[in-house]
Amino acid sequence: GSHDSFSYWVDEKSPVGPDQATAIKRLARISLVRKIMKKWSVTQNLTFKEQLEGGIRYFDLRVSSKPGETGQEIYFIHGLFGIKVWDGLKEINTFLEQHAKEVIFLDFNHFYAMDDGHHHFLINRIRSAFESKLCSVECVEYVTLQYMWEKKHQVLIFYHHPLHQEYPFLWPGNKMPAPWANTTNVHKLLQFLETTLEERSRYGTFHVSQAILTPRVKTIARHLIRGLKNTLVHRNLPMILNWVKAQKPGIMGVNIITSDFVELVDFAATVIALNDLLLEEDDSAS
């Protein structure tokens, strides 16, 4: 999985989003401030298509209306606005049309400046983009690749808002817990990932291990121009990747792992390779 999957498209010429504090919005009237914001808002270099081609199958999505804009259009957001959600969904659907056996998870987990009207608009966009590819809510343990292929489903949508109850194809957010370490310290992060794996529910939900470091205000202040990638990610990714390599998948093991800048190391290939351990278990059991 990728963290803030859409942030490749964040636009420094766009207004600052409603996910930011009032003081930042005031400062961001200065174009240099928006340039710096972009350095800290972008967590991925690759487009959806490139991420999909690189093996990413879980997408972490934050969305917002544009206050003051007429209509109900919804955009991706992380500090600054990105592209319309509709354009991203179409790009993902094009990939699925070409790869009928691929299955993806779209996790809509943060909503800003959205009333029920905006939500219904977005949900209808999701339905229009994927139609019969959408997998209705089921017992998690039933949803194997075989099940998805038989039903010709390719997309699971997680929607962290009470309106999920009105649509059978929206999975509730509590089926996709993603505990967040909120630290700049790689050792604390790895300890947190270990602890939350031990505490994960044995049945009934997916589980996201967020292998990401989060900058504090003082981190940003000290390294304004360097940005997220050069300050936190480059230096710590090798240690994070070593943790990934040591994991076991399956019950009480890792399930979905997300990272920033997924192309900087062979992150996707390393995570995908963990599945071989499950095959080895099957072989030894048989």
Protein backbone atom coordinates (compact mmCIF):
# COMPACT_ATOMS: atom_id res chain seq x y z
CA GLY A 1 0.00 0.00 0.00
CA SER A 2 0.96 3.65 -0.40
CA HIS A 3 0.43 6.39 2.20
CA ASP A 4 -1.41 9.53 0.97
CA SER A 5 -1.49 7.72 -2.33
CA PHE A 6 -2.64 10.65 -4.50
CA SER A 7 -0.20 13.29 -3.22
CA TYR A 8 1.84 13.15 -6.44
CA TRP A 9 -0.79 15.52 -7.84
CA VAL A 10 -0.76 18.11 -5.05
CA ASP A 11 -0.64 21.55 -6.71
CA GLU A 12 1.25 24.45 -5.14
CA LYS A 13 -0.90 26.89 -7.15
CA SER A 14 -4.08 25.52 -5.55
CA PRO A 15 -5.67 27.01 -2.43
CA VAL A 16 -4.64 25.56 0.93
CA GLY A 17 -7.07 22.88 2.00
CA PRO A 18 -9.62 22.88 4.84
CA ASP A 19 -7.45 20.21 6.52
CA GLN A 20 -5.01 22.99 7.55
CA ALA A 21 -5.05 25.40 10.50
CA THR A 22 -6.18 29.02 9.95
CA ALA A 23 -2.66 30.36 10.58
CA ILE A 24 -1.23 28.17 7.78
CA LYS A 25 -4.00 29.33 5.42
CA ARG A 26 -3.02 32.95 6.09
CA LEU A 27 0.70 32.26 5.58
CA ALA A 28 0.01 30.33 2.41
CA ARG A 29 -1.06 33.50 0.62
CA ILE A 30 2.70 33.80 0.03
CA SER A 31 3.64 31.56 -2.91
CA LEU A 32 6.97 30.53 -1.32
CA VAL A 33 5.04 29.11 1.65
CA ARG A 34 2.95 27.00 -0.72
CA LYS A 35 6.15 25.74 -2.41
CA ILE A 36 7.49 24.65 1.01
CA MET A 37 4.10 23.11 1.88
CA LYS A 38 4.31 21.03 -1.27
CA LYS A 39 7.72 19.64 -0.21
CA TRP A 40 6.11 18.37 2.99
CA SER A 41 2.72 17.38 1.53
CA VAL A 42 3.97 15.14 -1.27
CA THR A 43 4.49 11.58 0.00
CA GLN A 44 4.55 9.78 -3.38
CA ASN A 45 6.36 10.44 -6.67
CA LEU A 46 4.31 8.03 -8.77
CA THR A 47 0.89 8.45 -10.40
CA PHE A 48 -1.87 5.92 -9.65
CA LYS A 49 -1.06 4.11 -12.91
CA GLU A 50 2.66 3.90 -12.04
CA GLN A 51 1.89 2.74 -8.49
CA LEU A 52 -0.44 0.04 -9.82
CA GLU A 53 2.18 -1.10 -12.33
CA GLY A 54 4.71 -1.21 -9.47
CA GLY A 55 2.53 -3.58 -7.43
CA ILE A 56 0.65 -1.20 -5.09
CA ARG A 57 -2.87 -2.50 -4.37
CA TYR A 58 -3.99 -0.48 -1.31
CA PHE A 59 -4.59 3.28 -1.65
CA ASP A 60 -4.92 5.67 1.31
CA LEU A 61 -7.27 8.51 0.24
CA ARG A 62 -8.14 11.90 1.76
CA VAL A 63 -10.77 13.97 0.01
CA SER A 64 -12.44 17.37 0.21
CA SER A 65 -14.81 19.76 -1.52
CA LYS A 66 -13.36 23.15 -2.52
CA PRO A 67 -15.06 25.71 -0.26
CA GLY A 68 -16.50 28.52 -2.34
CA GLU A 69 -16.74 26.41 -5.50
CA THR A 70 -20.21 25.87 -6.94
CA GLY A 71 -21.31 22.27 -7.48
CA GLN A 72 -20.26 19.25 -5.45
CA GLU A 73 -16.98 18.22 -7.07
CA ILE A 74 -14.60 16.34 -4.73
CA TYR A 75 -10.80 16.54 -4.84
CA PHE A 76 -7.90 14.65 -3.29
CA ILE A 77 -6.21 16.69 -0.57
CA HIS A 78 -3.10 16.72 1.60
CA GLY A 79 -2.41 20.27 2.75
CA LEU A 80 -2.96 21.47 -0.82
CA PHE A 81 -5.58 20.32 -3.31
CA GLY A 82 -4.85 17.61 -5.86
CA ILE A 83 -6.82 16.35 -8.85
CA LYS A 84 -10.54 15.57 -8.96
CA VAL A 85 -11.30 12.20 -7.36
CA TRP A 86 -13.23 11.28 -10.51
CA ASP A 87 -10.06 11.56 -12.64
CA GLY A 88 -8.15 9.31 -10.23
CA LEU A 89 -10.93 6.70 -10.17
CA LYS A 90 -11.01 6.60 -13.98
CA GLU A 91 -7.23 6.05 -14.11
CA ILE A 92 -7.52 3.15 -11.65
CA ASN A 93 -10.46 1.65 -13.56
CA THR A 94 -8.50 1.73 -16.83
CA PHE A 95 -5.82 -0.44 -15.17
CA LEU A 96 -8.47 -2.86 -13.85
CA GLU A 97 -10.05 -3.16 -17.30
CA GLN A 98 -6.67 -4.31 -18.62
CA HIS A 99 -5.92 -6.65 -15.66
CA ALA A 100 -9.10 -8.60 -14.88
CA LYS A 101 -7.60 -10.63 -12.01
CA GLU A 102 -6.18 -7.71 -10.03
CA VAL A 103 -7.93 -6.63 -6.80
CA ILE A 104 -7.49 -3.23 -5.14
CA PHE A 105 -8.49 -1.58 -1.86
CA LEU A 106 -9.54 2.09 -1.82
CA ASP A 107 -9.59 3.47 1.72
CA PHE A 108 -11.47 6.79 1.97
CA ASN A 109 -10.48 7.69 5.52
CA HIS A 110 -10.44 11.51 5.80
CA PHE A 111 -13.18 13.84 4.57
CA TYR A 112 -13.03 17.66 4.72
CA ALA A 113 -15.67 20.34 4.06
CA MET A 114 -18.22 17.71 2.98
CA ASP A 115 -21.93 17.57 3.84
CA ASP A 116 -24.24 14.64 3.04
CA GLY A 117 -24.82 16.04 -0.46
CA HIS A 118 -21.08 15.93 -1.18
CA HIS A 119 -20.89 12.37 0.17
CA HIS A 120 -23.74 11.13 -2.03
CA PHE A 121 -22.11 12.83 -5.03
CA LEU A 122 -18.77 11.10 -4.31
CA ILE A 123 -20.38 7.71 -3.65
CA ASN A 124 -22.23 7.92 -6.97
CA ARG A 125 -18.93 8.75 -8.68
CA ILE A 126 -17.40 5.61 -7.13
CA ARG A 127 -20.35 3.52 -8.32
CA SER A 128 -20.16 5.01 -11.84
CA ALA A 129 -16.41 4.38 -12.08
CA PHE A 130 -16.40 0.71 -11.04
CA GLU A 131 -20.00 -0.59 -11.36
CA SER A 132 -20.04 -4.42 -11.16
CA LYS A 133 -16.36 -4.53 -10.11
CA LEU A 134 -17.41 -3.37 -6.60
CA CYS A 135 -17.39 -6.07 -3.93
CA SER A 136 -20.28 -5.79 -1.43
CA VAL A 137 -19.60 -6.07 2.29
CA GLU A 138 -18.96 -9.67 3.28
CA CYS A 139 -17.37 -11.58 6.11
CA VAL A 140 -13.67 -10.68 5.65
CA GLU A 141 -12.60 -14.34 5.78
CA TYR A 142 -14.77 -15.16 2.74
CA VAL A 143 -13.05 -12.63 0.52
CA THR A 144 -10.34 -14.72 -1.12
CA LEU A 145 -8.94 -14.07 -4.58
CA GLN A 146 -10.93 -17.10 -5.76
CA TYR A 147 -14.14 -15.49 -4.43
CA MET A 148 -13.32 -12.18 -6.17
CA TRP A 149 -12.52 -13.88 -9.48
CA GLU A 150 -15.70 -15.97 -9.45
CA LYS A 151 -17.84 -12.88 -8.82
CA LYS A 152 -15.73 -10.75 -11.23
CA HIS A 153 -15.20 -8.22 -8.42
CA GLN A 154 -12.00 -6.16 -8.31
CA VAL A 155 -12.56 -3.28 -5.88
CA LEU A 156 -13.17 -3.03 -2.13
CA ILE A 157 -14.13 0.47 -0.96
CA PHE A 158 -13.66 1.40 2.71
CA TYR A 159 -15.64 4.49 3.69
CA HIS A 160 -15.03 5.99 7.12
CA HIS A 161 -18.36 7.80 7.45
CA PRO A 162 -21.78 6.69 8.78
CA LEU A 163 -23.28 6.92 5.26
CA HIS A 164 -21.54 3.63 4.42
CA GLN A 165 -24.61 1.98 5.97
CA GLU A 166 -26.79 3.12 3.05
CA TYR A 167 -24.71 1.42 0.33
CA PRO A 168 -23.97 -2.32 0.24
CA PHE A 169 -20.67 -1.77 -1.63
CA LEU A 170 -19.17 0.52 1.05
CA TRP A 171 -17.22 -1.33 3.71
CA PRO A 172 -17.17 0.35 7.14
CA GLY A 173 -13.92 2.00 8.17
CA ASN A 174 -13.62 -0.26 11.23
CA LYS A 175 -12.94 -3.19 8.86
CA MET A 176 -9.67 -1.45 7.88
CA PRO A 177 -7.93 -0.33 11.10
CA ALA A 178 -4.68 1.56 10.42
CA PRO A 179 -3.03 2.50 13.73
CA TRP A 180 -0.72 5.50 13.37
CA ALA A 181 2.58 5.82 15.25
CA ASN A 182 2.83 9.63 14.78
CA THR A 183 6.58 9.74 15.41
CA THR A 184 9.79 10.93 13.71
CA ASN A 185 11.83 8.22 15.46
CA VAL A 186 12.31 5.04 13.43
CA HIS A 187 12.93 2.87 16.52
CA LYS A 188 9.67 4.06 18.12
CA LEU A 189 7.89 3.41 14.82
CA LEU A 190 9.11 -0.19 14.61
CA GLN A 191 8.20 -0.83 18.25
CA PHE A 192 4.72 0.58 17.57
CA LEU A 193 4.29 -1.66 14.51
CA GLU A 194 5.27 -4.71 16.56
CA THR A 195 2.88 -3.82 19.40
CA THR A 196 -0.10 -3.12 17.12
CA LEU A 197 0.45 -6.40 15.26
CA GLU A 198 0.30 -8.26 18.58
CA GLU A 199 -2.95 -6.45 19.39
CA ARG A 200 -4.62 -6.87 15.99
CA SER A 201 -7.94 -8.60 15.86
CA ARG A 202 -7.62 -12.29 14.98
CA TYR A 203 -10.66 -12.36 12.69
CA GLY A 204 -13.09 -10.04 10.97
CA THR A 205 -10.94 -7.14 9.80
CA PHE A 206 -8.07 -6.29 7.50
CA HIS A 207 -5.09 -4.53 9.13
CA VAL A 208 -2.78 -1.75 7.91
CA SER A 209 0.76 -1.42 9.26
CA GLN A 210 1.65 2.21 8.51
CA ALA A 211 5.44 2.06 8.09
CA ILE A 212 5.70 5.85 7.93
CA LEU A 213 7.38 8.61 9.91
CA THR A 214 5.42 11.80 10.59
CA PRO A 215 7.16 15.18 10.73
CA ARG A 216 6.54 17.44 13.72
CA VAL A 217 6.23 21.22 13.34
CA LYS A 218 9.79 21.63 14.62
CA THR A 219 11.03 19.00 12.11
CA ILE A 220 9.54 21.08 9.29
CA ALA A 221 10.91 24.33 10.77
CA ARG A 222 14.44 22.93 10.98
CA HIS A 223 14.46 21.43 7.49
CA LEU A 224 12.11 23.75 5.59
CA ILE A 225 13.70 23.48 2.19
CA ARG A 226 14.72 19.81 2.33
CA GLY A 227 11.18 18.48 2.56
CA LEU A 228 9.82 15.16 3.81
CA LYS A 229 11.69 12.84 1.46
CA ASN A 230 15.19 14.21 2.15
CA THR A 231 14.67 14.76 5.89
CA LEU A 232 12.89 11.62 7.09
CA VAL A 233 12.28 9.08 4.36
CA HIS A 234 15.61 8.51 2.57
CA ARG A 235 17.55 8.02 5.79
CA ASN A 236 15.11 5.61 7.48
CA LEU A 237 13.66 3.55 4.64
CA PRO A 238 16.39 0.86 4.70
CA MET A 239 15.71 0.12 8.39
CA ILE A 240 11.93 0.07 7.76
CA LEU A 241 12.46 -2.30 4.83
CA ASN A 242 14.53 -4.64 7.01
CA TRP A 243 11.59 -4.79 9.44
CA VAL A 244 9.25 -5.67 6.55
CA LYS A 245 11.58 -8.48 5.40
CA ALA A 246 11.44 -10.04 8.87
CA GLN A 247 7.62 -10.23 8.98
CA LYS A 248 5.28 -13.18 8.59
CA PRO A 249 1.89 -12.79 6.86
CA GLY A 250 -1.36 -14.44 7.92
CA ILE A 251 -3.36 -14.43 11.17
CA MET A 252 -1.69 -12.12 13.72
CA GLY A 253 0.99 -11.31 11.14
CA VAL A 254 1.20 -8.48 8.63
CA ASN A 255 -1.63 -7.90 6.19
CA ILE A 256 -1.29 -4.54 4.38
CA ILE A 257 1.87 -2.42 4.77
CA THR A 258 1.98 1.22 3.63
CA SER A 259 4.98 3.43 2.95
CA ASP A 260 5.91 6.87 1.63
CA PHE A 261 7.73 7.09 -1.73
CA VAL A 262 7.14 3.44 -2.52
CA GLU A 263 9.57 3.46 -5.46
CA LEU A 264 12.69 4.52 -3.50
CA VAL A 265 13.48 0.95 -2.46
CA ASP A 266 12.03 -2.35 -3.68
CA PHE A 267 9.19 -1.89 -1.19
CA ALA A 268 6.34 -3.47 -3.19
CA ALA A 269 8.45 -6.45 -4.29
CA THR A 270 9.57 -7.04 -0.68
CA VAL A 271 6.00 -7.00 0.65
CA ILE A 272 4.68 -9.18 -2.18
CA ALA A 273 7.49 -11.72 -1.56
CA LEU A 274 6.14 -12.31 1.97
CA ASN A 275 3.27 -14.21 0.35
CA ASP A 276 5.74 -16.97 -0.54
CA LEU A 277 5.88 -17.79 3.19
CA LEU A 278 2.16 -18.60 3.08
CA LEU A 279 2.72 -20.91 0.13
CA GLU A 280 5.54 -22.66 2.02
CA GLU A 281 3.17 -23.17 4.97
CA ASP A 282 0.56 -24.66 2.64
CA ASP A 283 3.13 -27.02 1.13
CA SER A 284 4.36 -28.23 4.51
CA ALA A 285 0.75 -28.68 5.74
CA SER A 286 -0.12 -30.81 2.70
